[in-house]
Amino acid sequence: MHVLAVIHGEKVRAGVFADVVAARGYELEEWSLAWEKPLPRPLDAYDAVLVFGGAMHADEVQHHPWLREENLFLHRLLDLHTPVLGICLGAQLLAKAAHAPVHPAGESEIGWYPVELTEHATDDPLLGQLPPSFDAFQWHYYTHELPSGAVELARSSVCTQAFRLGDSAWGVQFHPEVTLQQIEGWLEDEEPQPVDSAMLLAQTRERIDAWNELGRTLCDAFVDVAERVATPA
C-alpha cells in the first residue's frame, strides 16, 4: 500500500504513526500543500492518508492561502472514499471539507484531559479498539461542529474528540501520534507559555509510554481498514 502523510509543519509530523506504518511494511510519504510542490504520485494511487496537526487554525486562509487548496484536496479524498484519518488540525480541516463549521473552542485544551467514548464507538473499527475512557494529550484552541451524516465517537467536557464520516474517514481532536520529543519542541516554540511547562512535562514523562501504545493501537486499526479497502475479499 501507499500511505500519504499530509503535514503542516516540521515539528508536527507522524510521530509513532510512522513506526506503525513502517512495521506493517509500508512507506509513509510526507507532503505538504504549503511546499507548493506536486504530490509524489496521483492522489488515487494512495491507499490511505493521514492528515496531521499544525500551529495555524483551520479558518486562517488569509494567512495561509494554501489552506484553500487543502480544502479542495480533502473534498477529493472524501469523494474517492480513500481511508483518511485527521489529527487535531487535520480533524478540523476534514470536518470543514465536509461543510461543518470550525471555530474557537469554548476553552483551549493543552495538556492531559479526560476523553469519553460514545456508545457509537463500541463497534467502530478504530475507536472501538480504545478504552471507554482515557486521559488524552491535547493541544488545540479551535474545534468543529459534527459534519452532516457523521457519527460522534468521543467527547471531552469541551468539544467533540472523535468522529467517523461514512466508512472511510475519521477525525480525532487529541494527539495519538505525539512523542515526548514533539511535546518538548512545541513547548519550546510556544510564546507565551500556555501552561506550566514543567508540570506538563512531568505529567507527560509519566504517561507517554502508555499513550504511545494507545496511539500505535489506533494507527494499527486504521491500517487494517486501509488494507481491507485495498484488497477486498
C-alpha atoms as a PDB file:
ATOM      1  CA  MET A   1       0.000   0.000   0.000  1.00  0.00           C
ATOM      2  CA  HIS A   2       0.972   3.631  -0.498  1.00  0.00           C
ATOM      3  CA  VAL A   3       0.374   5.788   2.603  1.00  0.00           C
ATOM      4  CA  LEU A   4       0.484   9.596   2.488  1.00  0.00           C
ATOM      5  CA  ALA A   5       1.164  11.878   5.470  1.00  0.00           C
ATOM      6  CA  VAL A   6      -0.098  15.453   4.997  1.00  0.00           C
ATOM      7  CA  ILE A   7       1.898  17.661   7.381  1.00  0.00           C
ATOM      8  CA  HIS A   8       1.602  21.306   8.429  1.00  0.00           C
ATOM      9  CA  GLY A   9       4.994  21.997   9.994  1.00  0.00           C
ATOM     10  CA  GLU A  10       8.353  20.400  10.698  1.00  0.00           C
ATOM     11  CA  LYS A  11       7.506  19.715  14.362  1.00  0.00           C
ATOM     12  CA  VAL A  12       4.000  18.358  13.730  1.00  0.00           C
ATOM     13  CA  ARG A  13       4.716  15.111  11.989  1.00  0.00           C
ATOM     14  CA  ALA A  14       3.801  11.438  12.109  1.00  0.00           C
ATOM     15  CA  GLY A  15       5.340  10.504  15.472  1.00  0.00           C
ATOM     16  CA  VAL A  16       4.614   6.892  16.433  1.00  0.00           C
ATOM     17  CA  PHE A  17       2.280   6.523  13.444  1.00  0.00           C
ATOM     18  CA  ALA A  18       5.369   6.434  11.208  1.00  0.00           C
ATOM     19  CA  ASP A  19       6.680   3.494  13.261  1.00  0.00           C
ATOM     20  CA  VAL A  20       3.416   1.597  12.818  1.00  0.00           C
ATOM     21  CA  VAL A  21       3.297   2.123   9.060  1.00  0.00           C
ATOM     22  CA  ALA A  22       6.925   1.007   8.723  1.00  0.00           C
ATOM     23  CA  ALA A  23       6.342  -2.061  10.916  1.00  0.00           C
ATOM     24  CA  ARG A  24       3.470  -3.058   8.637  1.00  0.00           C
ATOM     25  CA  GLY A  25       5.864  -2.972   5.671  1.00  0.00           C
ATOM     26  CA  TYR A  26       4.689   0.266   4.044  1.00  0.00           C
ATOM     27  CA  GLU A  27       6.422   3.542   3.289  1.00  0.00           C
ATOM     28  CA  LEU A  28       4.964   6.779   4.641  1.00  0.00           C
ATOM     29  CA  GLU A  29       5.385   9.608   2.121  1.00  0.00           C
ATOM     30  CA  GLU A  30       5.326  13.102   3.658  1.00  0.00           C
ATOM     31  CA  TRP A  31       3.893  16.030   1.726  1.00  0.00           C
ATOM     32  CA  SER A  32       2.514  19.494   2.439  1.00  0.00           C
ATOM     33  CA  LEU A  33       0.412  21.808   0.323  1.00  0.00           C
ATOM     34  CA  ALA A  34       2.465  24.666   1.786  1.00  0.00           C
ATOM     35  CA  TRP A  35       5.503  23.344  -0.148  1.00  0.00           C
ATOM     36  CA  GLU A  36       3.752  24.215  -3.435  1.00  0.00           C
ATOM     37  CA  LYS A  37       5.077  21.001  -4.950  1.00  0.00           C
ATOM     38  CA  PRO A  38       3.014  18.308  -6.694  1.00  0.00           C
ATOM     39  CA  LEU A  39       2.104  15.074  -4.959  1.00  0.00           C
ATOM     40  CA  PRO A  40       4.759  12.363  -5.399  1.00  0.00           C
ATOM     41  CA  ARG A  41       2.090  10.230  -7.120  1.00  0.00           C
ATOM     42  CA  PRO A  42      -1.542  10.696  -8.260  1.00  0.00           C
ATOM     43  CA  LEU A  43      -3.995  11.081  -5.380  1.00  0.00           C
ATOM     44  CA  ASP A  44      -5.973   7.984  -6.347  1.00  0.00           C
ATOM     45  CA  ALA A  45      -2.750   5.941  -6.102  1.00  0.00           C
ATOM     46  CA  TYR A  46      -2.732   6.326  -2.311  1.00  0.00           C
ATOM     47  CA  ASP A  47      -4.418   3.635  -0.250  1.00  0.00           C
ATOM     48  CA  ALA A  48      -4.533   5.667   2.975  1.00  0.00           C
ATOM     49  CA  VAL A  49      -3.963   9.274   4.037  1.00  0.00           C
ATOM     50  CA  LEU A  50      -3.037  10.699   7.454  1.00  0.00           C
ATOM     51  CA  VAL A  51      -3.619  14.446   7.980  1.00  0.00           C
ATOM     52  CA  PHE A  52      -1.683  15.834  10.940  1.00  0.00           C
ATOM     53  CA  GLY A  53      -1.841  18.956  13.104  1.00  0.00           C
ATOM     54  CA  GLY A  54      -0.301  22.393  12.810  1.00  0.00           C
ATOM     55  CA  ALA A  55       0.156  25.730  14.530  1.00  0.00           C
ATOM     56  CA  MET A  56      -2.316  27.504  12.241  1.00  0.00           C
ATOM     57  CA  HIS A  57      -6.117  27.448  12.591  1.00  0.00           C
ATOM     58  CA  ALA A  58      -8.438  25.868  10.056  1.00  0.00           C
ATOM     59  CA  ASP A  59     -10.023  29.193   9.028  1.00  0.00           C
ATOM     60  CA  GLU A  60      -6.793  31.230   8.621  1.00  0.00           C
ATOM     61  CA  VAL A  61      -6.914  31.275   4.830  1.00  0.00           C
ATOM     62  CA  GLN A  62      -5.798  34.915   4.749  1.00  0.00           C
ATOM     63  CA  HIS A  63      -2.502  33.975   6.413  1.00  0.00           C
ATOM     64  CA  HIS A  64      -2.110  30.554   4.779  1.00  0.00           C
ATOM     65  CA  PRO A  65      -3.687  30.663   1.287  1.00  0.00           C
ATOM     66  CA  TRP A  66      -2.787  27.022   0.645  1.00  0.00           C
ATOM     67  CA  LEU A  67      -5.498  26.060   3.158  1.00  0.00           C
ATOM     68  CA  ARG A  68      -7.996  26.773   0.403  1.00  0.00           C
ATOM     69  CA  GLU A  69      -6.264  24.195  -1.789  1.00  0.00           C
ATOM     70  CA  GLU A  70      -6.163  21.727   1.070  1.00  0.00           C
ATOM     71  CA  ASN A  71      -9.914  22.061   1.477  1.00  0.00           C
ATOM     72  CA  LEU A  72     -10.351  21.006  -2.165  1.00  0.00           C
ATOM     73  CA  PHE A  73      -7.805  18.224  -1.680  1.00  0.00           C
ATOM     74  CA  LEU A  74      -9.782  16.820   1.261  1.00  0.00           C
ATOM     75  CA  HIS A  75     -13.041  17.140  -0.690  1.00  0.00           C
ATOM     76  CA  ARG A  76     -11.461  14.935  -3.340  1.00  0.00           C
ATOM     77  CA  LEU A  77     -10.291  12.386  -0.761  1.00  0.00           C
ATOM     78  CA  LEU A  78     -13.811  12.106   0.611  1.00  0.00           C
ATOM     79  CA  ASP A  79     -15.201  11.682  -2.901  1.00  0.00           C
ATOM     80  CA  LEU A  80     -12.696   8.891  -3.582  1.00  0.00           C
ATOM     81  CA  HIS A  81     -13.580   7.151  -0.278  1.00  0.00           C
ATOM     82  CA  THR A  82      -9.863   6.817   0.419  1.00  0.00           C
ATOM     83  CA  PRO A  83      -9.330   5.863   4.076  1.00  0.00           C
ATOM     84  CA  VAL A  84      -8.308   9.085   5.829  1.00  0.00           C
ATOM     85  CA  LEU A  85      -7.565   9.916   9.458  1.00  0.00           C
ATOM     86  CA  GLY A  86      -7.283  13.552  10.552  1.00  0.00           C
ATOM     87  CA  ILE A  87      -5.453  14.533  13.750  1.00  0.00           C
ATOM     88  CA  CYS A  88      -6.234  17.806  15.616  1.00  0.00           C
ATOM     89  CA  LEU A  89      -5.998  20.456  12.859  1.00  0.00           C
ATOM     90  CA  GLY A  90      -6.361  17.570  10.421  1.00  0.00           C
ATOM     91  CA  ALA A  91      -9.685  16.605  12.015  1.00  0.00           C
ATOM     92  CA  GLN A  92     -10.881  20.213  11.876  1.00  0.00           C
ATOM     93  CA  LEU A  93      -9.900  20.507   8.207  1.00  0.00           C
ATOM     94  CA  LEU A  94     -11.632  17.233   7.419  1.00  0.00           C
ATOM     95  CA  ALA A  95     -14.807  18.421   9.161  1.00  0.00           C
ATOM     96  CA  LYS A  96     -14.570  21.741   7.288  1.00  0.00           C
ATOM     97  CA  ALA A  97     -14.194  19.908   3.962  1.00  0.00           C
ATOM     98  CA  ALA A  98     -17.427  18.096   4.856  1.00  0.00           C
ATOM     99  CA  HIS A  99     -19.133  21.523   5.313  1.00  0.00           C
ATOM    100  CA  ALA A 100     -19.074  21.626   9.130  1.00  0.00           C
ATOM    101  CA  PRO A 101     -18.261  24.968  10.824  1.00  0.00           C
ATOM    102  CA  VAL A 102     -14.899  25.395  12.564  1.00  0.00           C
ATOM    103  CA  HIS A 103     -14.469  27.983  15.316  1.00  0.00           C
ATOM    104  CA  PRO A 104     -12.604  28.750  18.562  1.00  0.00           C
ATOM    105  CA  ALA A 105     -13.340  26.269  21.337  1.00  0.00           C
ATOM    106  CA  GLY A 106     -15.100  27.449  24.483  1.00  0.00           C
ATOM    107  CA  GLU A 107     -11.737  26.943  26.176  1.00  0.00           C
ATOM    108  CA  SER A 108      -8.383  25.654  24.993  1.00  0.00           C
ATOM    109  CA  GLU A 109      -7.214  22.156  25.864  1.00  0.00           C
ATOM    110  CA  ILE A 110      -3.432  21.958  26.234  1.00  0.00           C
ATOM    111  CA  GLY A 111      -2.126  19.018  28.210  1.00  0.00           C
ATOM    112  CA  TRP A 112      -3.838  15.891  29.500  1.00  0.00           C
ATOM    113  CA  TYR A 113      -7.663  15.869  29.531  1.00  0.00           C
ATOM    114  CA  PRO A 114     -10.263  13.137  30.110  1.00  0.00           C
ATOM    115  CA  VAL A 115     -11.965  11.769  26.999  1.00  0.00           C
ATOM    116  CA  GLU A 116     -15.015   9.504  26.955  1.00  0.00           C
ATOM    117  CA  LEU A 117     -16.076   7.318  24.050  1.00  0.00           C
ATOM    118  CA  THR A 118     -19.711   7.485  22.990  1.00  0.00           C
ATOM    119  CA  GLU A 119     -21.934   4.454  22.508  1.00  0.00           C
ATOM    120  CA  HIS A 120     -21.300   4.722  18.750  1.00  0.00           C
ATOM    121  CA  ALA A 121     -17.618   3.894  19.299  1.00  0.00           C
ATOM    122  CA  THR A 122     -18.318   0.373  20.563  1.00  0.00           C
ATOM    123  CA  ASP A 123     -18.254  -1.250  17.132  1.00  0.00           C
ATOM    124  CA  ASP A 124     -16.149   1.365  15.374  1.00  0.00           C
ATOM    125  CA  PRO A 125     -13.121  -0.171  13.591  1.00  0.00           C
ATOM    126  CA  LEU A 126     -10.765   2.453  15.069  1.00  0.00           C
ATOM    127  CA  LEU A 127     -12.125   3.902  18.305  1.00  0.00           C
ATOM    128  CA  GLY A 128     -13.600   0.548  19.305  1.00  0.00           C
ATOM    129  CA  GLN A 129     -10.018  -0.607  19.944  1.00  0.00           C
ATOM    130  CA  LEU A 130      -9.533   2.009  22.684  1.00  0.00           C
ATOM    131  CA  PRO A 131     -10.574   2.055  26.367  1.00  0.00           C
ATOM    132  CA  PRO A 132     -14.009   3.584  27.042  1.00  0.00           C
ATOM    133  CA  SER A 133     -12.340   6.485  28.851  1.00  0.00           C
ATOM    134  CA  PHE A 134      -8.756   7.742  28.983  1.00  0.00           C
ATOM    135  CA  ASP A 135      -6.671  10.856  29.555  1.00  0.00           C
ATOM    136  CA  ALA A 136      -5.648  12.196  26.148  1.00  0.00           C
ATOM    137  CA  PHE A 137      -2.871  14.557  25.173  1.00  0.00           C
ATOM    138  CA  GLN A 138      -4.406  17.707  23.655  1.00  0.00           C
ATOM    139  CA  TRP A 139      -3.080  20.905  22.094  1.00  0.00           C
ATOM    140  CA  HIS A 140      -5.819  22.953  20.458  1.00  0.00           C
ATOM    141  CA  TYR A 141      -7.632  26.263  20.643  1.00  0.00           C
ATOM    142  CA  TYR A 142     -10.212  25.503  17.917  1.00  0.00           C
ATOM    143  CA  THR A 143     -12.924  22.930  17.463  1.00  0.00           C
ATOM    144  CA  HIS A 144     -15.518  21.970  14.853  1.00  0.00           C
ATOM    145  CA  GLU A 145     -19.146  21.014  14.597  1.00  0.00           C
ATOM    146  CA  LEU A 146     -20.130  17.492  13.594  1.00  0.00           C
ATOM    147  CA  PRO A 147     -20.386  17.134   9.790  1.00  0.00           C
ATOM    148  CA  SER A 148     -23.765  16.153   8.383  1.00  0.00           C
ATOM    149  CA  GLY A 149     -24.050  12.365   8.391  1.00  0.00           C
ATOM    150  CA  ALA A 150     -21.072  11.913  10.729  1.00  0.00           C
ATOM    151  CA  VAL A 151     -21.151   9.919  13.954  1.00  0.00           C
ATOM    152  CA  GLU A 152     -19.595  11.312  17.131  1.00  0.00           C
ATOM    153  CA  LEU A 153     -17.272   8.714  18.658  1.00  0.00           C
ATOM    154  CA  ALA A 154     -15.705  10.556  21.606  1.00  0.00           C
ATOM    155  CA  ARG A 155     -16.124  13.739  23.660  1.00  0.00           C
ATOM    156  CA  SER A 156     -14.390  15.761  26.318  1.00  0.00           C
ATOM    157  CA  SER A 157     -16.091  18.326  28.548  1.00  0.00           C
ATOM    158  CA  VAL A 158     -15.152  20.956  25.939  1.00  0.00           C
ATOM    159  CA  CYS A 159     -15.880  19.508  22.499  1.00  0.00           C
ATOM    160  CA  THR A 160     -16.134  16.588  20.107  1.00  0.00           C
ATOM    161  CA  GLN A 161     -12.979  14.482  20.282  1.00  0.00           C
ATOM    162  CA  ALA A 162     -13.569  11.957  17.501  1.00  0.00           C
ATOM    163  CA  PHE A 163     -15.963  11.335  14.635  1.00  0.00           C
ATOM    164  CA  ARG A 164     -16.470   8.975  11.704  1.00  0.00           C
ATOM    165  CA  LEU A 165     -17.846  10.108   8.363  1.00  0.00           C
ATOM    166  CA  GLY A 166     -19.093   7.279   6.184  1.00  0.00           C
ATOM    167  CA  ASP A 167     -16.986   4.135   6.355  1.00  0.00           C
ATOM    168  CA  SER A 168     -13.607   5.577   5.413  1.00  0.00           C
ATOM    169  CA  ALA A 169     -13.000   8.942   7.145  1.00  0.00           C
ATOM    170  CA  TRP A 170     -12.144   9.623  10.792  1.00  0.00           C
ATOM    171  CA  GLY A 171     -11.065  12.676  12.757  1.00  0.00           C
ATOM    172  CA  VAL A 172      -9.653  12.830  16.288  1.00  0.00           C
ATOM    173  CA  GLN A 173      -9.062  16.088  18.146  1.00  0.00           C
ATOM    174  CA  PHE A 174      -6.435  14.675  20.522  1.00  0.00           C
ATOM    175  CA  HIS A 175      -2.866  13.745  19.513  1.00  0.00           C
ATOM    176  CA  PRO A 176      -2.420   9.942  19.499  1.00  0.00           C
ATOM    177  CA  GLU A 177       0.717  10.216  17.338  1.00  0.00           C
ATOM    178  CA  VAL A 178       2.731  12.553  19.549  1.00  0.00           C
ATOM    179  CA  THR A 179       6.101  11.705  21.108  1.00  0.00           C
ATOM    180  CA  LEU A 180       7.845  13.209  24.124  1.00  0.00           C
ATOM    181  CA  GLN A 181      10.311  14.929  21.804  1.00  0.00           C
ATOM    182  CA  GLN A 182       7.488  16.559  19.847  1.00  0.00           C
ATOM    183  CA  ILE A 183       5.856  17.876  23.003  1.00  0.00           C
ATOM    184  CA  GLU A 184       9.170  19.277  24.211  1.00  0.00           C
ATOM    185  CA  GLY A 185       9.565  21.051  20.865  1.00  0.00           C
ATOM    186  CA  TRP A 186       6.055  22.530  20.983  1.00  0.00           C
ATOM    187  CA  LEU A 187       6.676  23.913  24.461  1.00  0.00           C
ATOM    188  CA  GLU A 188       9.923  25.498  23.301  1.00  0.00           C
ATOM    189  CA  ASP A 189       8.160  27.193  20.372  1.00  0.00           C
ATOM    190  CA  GLU A 190       5.030  28.450  22.158  1.00  0.00           C
ATOM    191  CA  GLU A 191       5.282  32.048  23.418  1.00  0.00           C
ATOM    192  CA  PRO A 192       3.873  32.942  25.834  1.00  0.00           C
ATOM    193  CA  GLN A 193       3.722  29.546  27.513  1.00  0.00           C
ATOM    194  CA  PRO A 194       0.066  28.436  27.551  1.00  0.00           C
ATOM    195  CA  VAL A 195       0.557  26.151  30.573  1.00  0.00           C
ATOM    196  CA  ASP A 196       3.049  25.353  33.335  1.00  0.00           C
ATOM    197  CA  SER A 197       5.572  23.621  31.076  1.00  0.00           C
ATOM    198  CA  ALA A 198       7.497  21.932  33.904  1.00  0.00           C
ATOM    199  CA  MET A 199       4.307  20.366  35.266  1.00  0.00           C
ATOM    200  CA  LEU A 200       3.150  19.318  31.799  1.00  0.00           C
ATOM    201  CA  LEU A 201       6.489  17.685  31.017  1.00  0.00           C
ATOM    202  CA  ALA A 202       6.477  15.833  34.340  1.00  0.00           C
ATOM    203  CA  GLN A 203       2.963  14.508  33.636  1.00  0.00           C
ATOM    204  CA  THR A 204       3.943  13.604  30.095  1.00  0.00           C
ATOM    205  CA  ARG A 205       7.057  11.665  31.114  1.00  0.00           C
ATOM    206  CA  GLU A 206       4.874   9.562  33.423  1.00  0.00           C
ATOM    207  CA  ARG A 207       2.222   8.885  30.785  1.00  0.00           C
ATOM    208  CA  ILE A 208       3.926   8.908  27.402  1.00  0.00           C
ATOM    209  CA  ASP A 209       4.757   5.183  27.147  1.00  0.00           C
ATOM    210  CA  ALA A 210       1.144   4.137  27.698  1.00  0.00           C
ATOM    211  CA  TRP A 211      -0.040   6.971  25.442  1.00  0.00           C
ATOM    212  CA  ASN A 212       2.254   5.894  22.625  1.00  0.00           C
ATOM    213  CA  GLU A 213       0.909   2.356  22.935  1.00  0.00           C
ATOM    214  CA  LEU A 214      -2.642   3.701  22.570  1.00  0.00           C
ATOM    215  CA  GLY A 215      -1.510   5.664  19.507  1.00  0.00           C
ATOM    216  CA  ARG A 216       0.014   2.577  17.917  1.00  0.00           C
ATOM    217  CA  THR A 217      -3.217   0.657  18.561  1.00  0.00           C
ATOM    218  CA  LEU A 218      -5.268   3.367  16.839  1.00  0.00           C
ATOM    219  CA  CYS A 219      -2.938   3.604  13.851  1.00  0.00           C
ATOM    220  CA  ASP A 220      -2.771  -0.195  13.513  1.00  0.00           C
ATOM    221  CA  ALA A 221      -6.579  -0.278  13.354  1.00  0.00           C
ATOM    222  CA  PHE A 222      -6.544   2.419  10.664  1.00  0.00           C
ATOM    223  CA  VAL A 223      -4.017   0.460   8.585  1.00  0.00           C
ATOM    224  CA  ASP A 224      -6.241  -2.622   8.988  1.00  0.00           C
ATOM    225  CA  VAL A 225      -9.136  -0.664   7.450  1.00  0.00           C
ATOM    226  CA  ALA A 226      -6.954   0.573   4.590  1.00  0.00           C
ATOM    227  CA  GLU A 227      -5.740  -2.968   3.862  1.00  0.00           C
ATOM    228  CA  ARG A 228      -9.303  -4.248   3.681  1.00  0.00           C
ATOM    229  CA  VAL A 229     -10.270  -1.470   1.279  1.00  0.00           C
ATOM    230  CA  ALA A 230      -7.146  -2.006  -0.850  1.00  0.00           C
ATOM    231  CA  THR A 231      -7.609  -5.779  -1.053  1.00  0.00           C
ATOM    232  CA  PRO A 232     -11.348  -6.504  -0.801  1.00  0.00           C
ATOM    233  CA  ALA A 233     -12.447 -10.117  -0.373  1.00  0.00           C
END
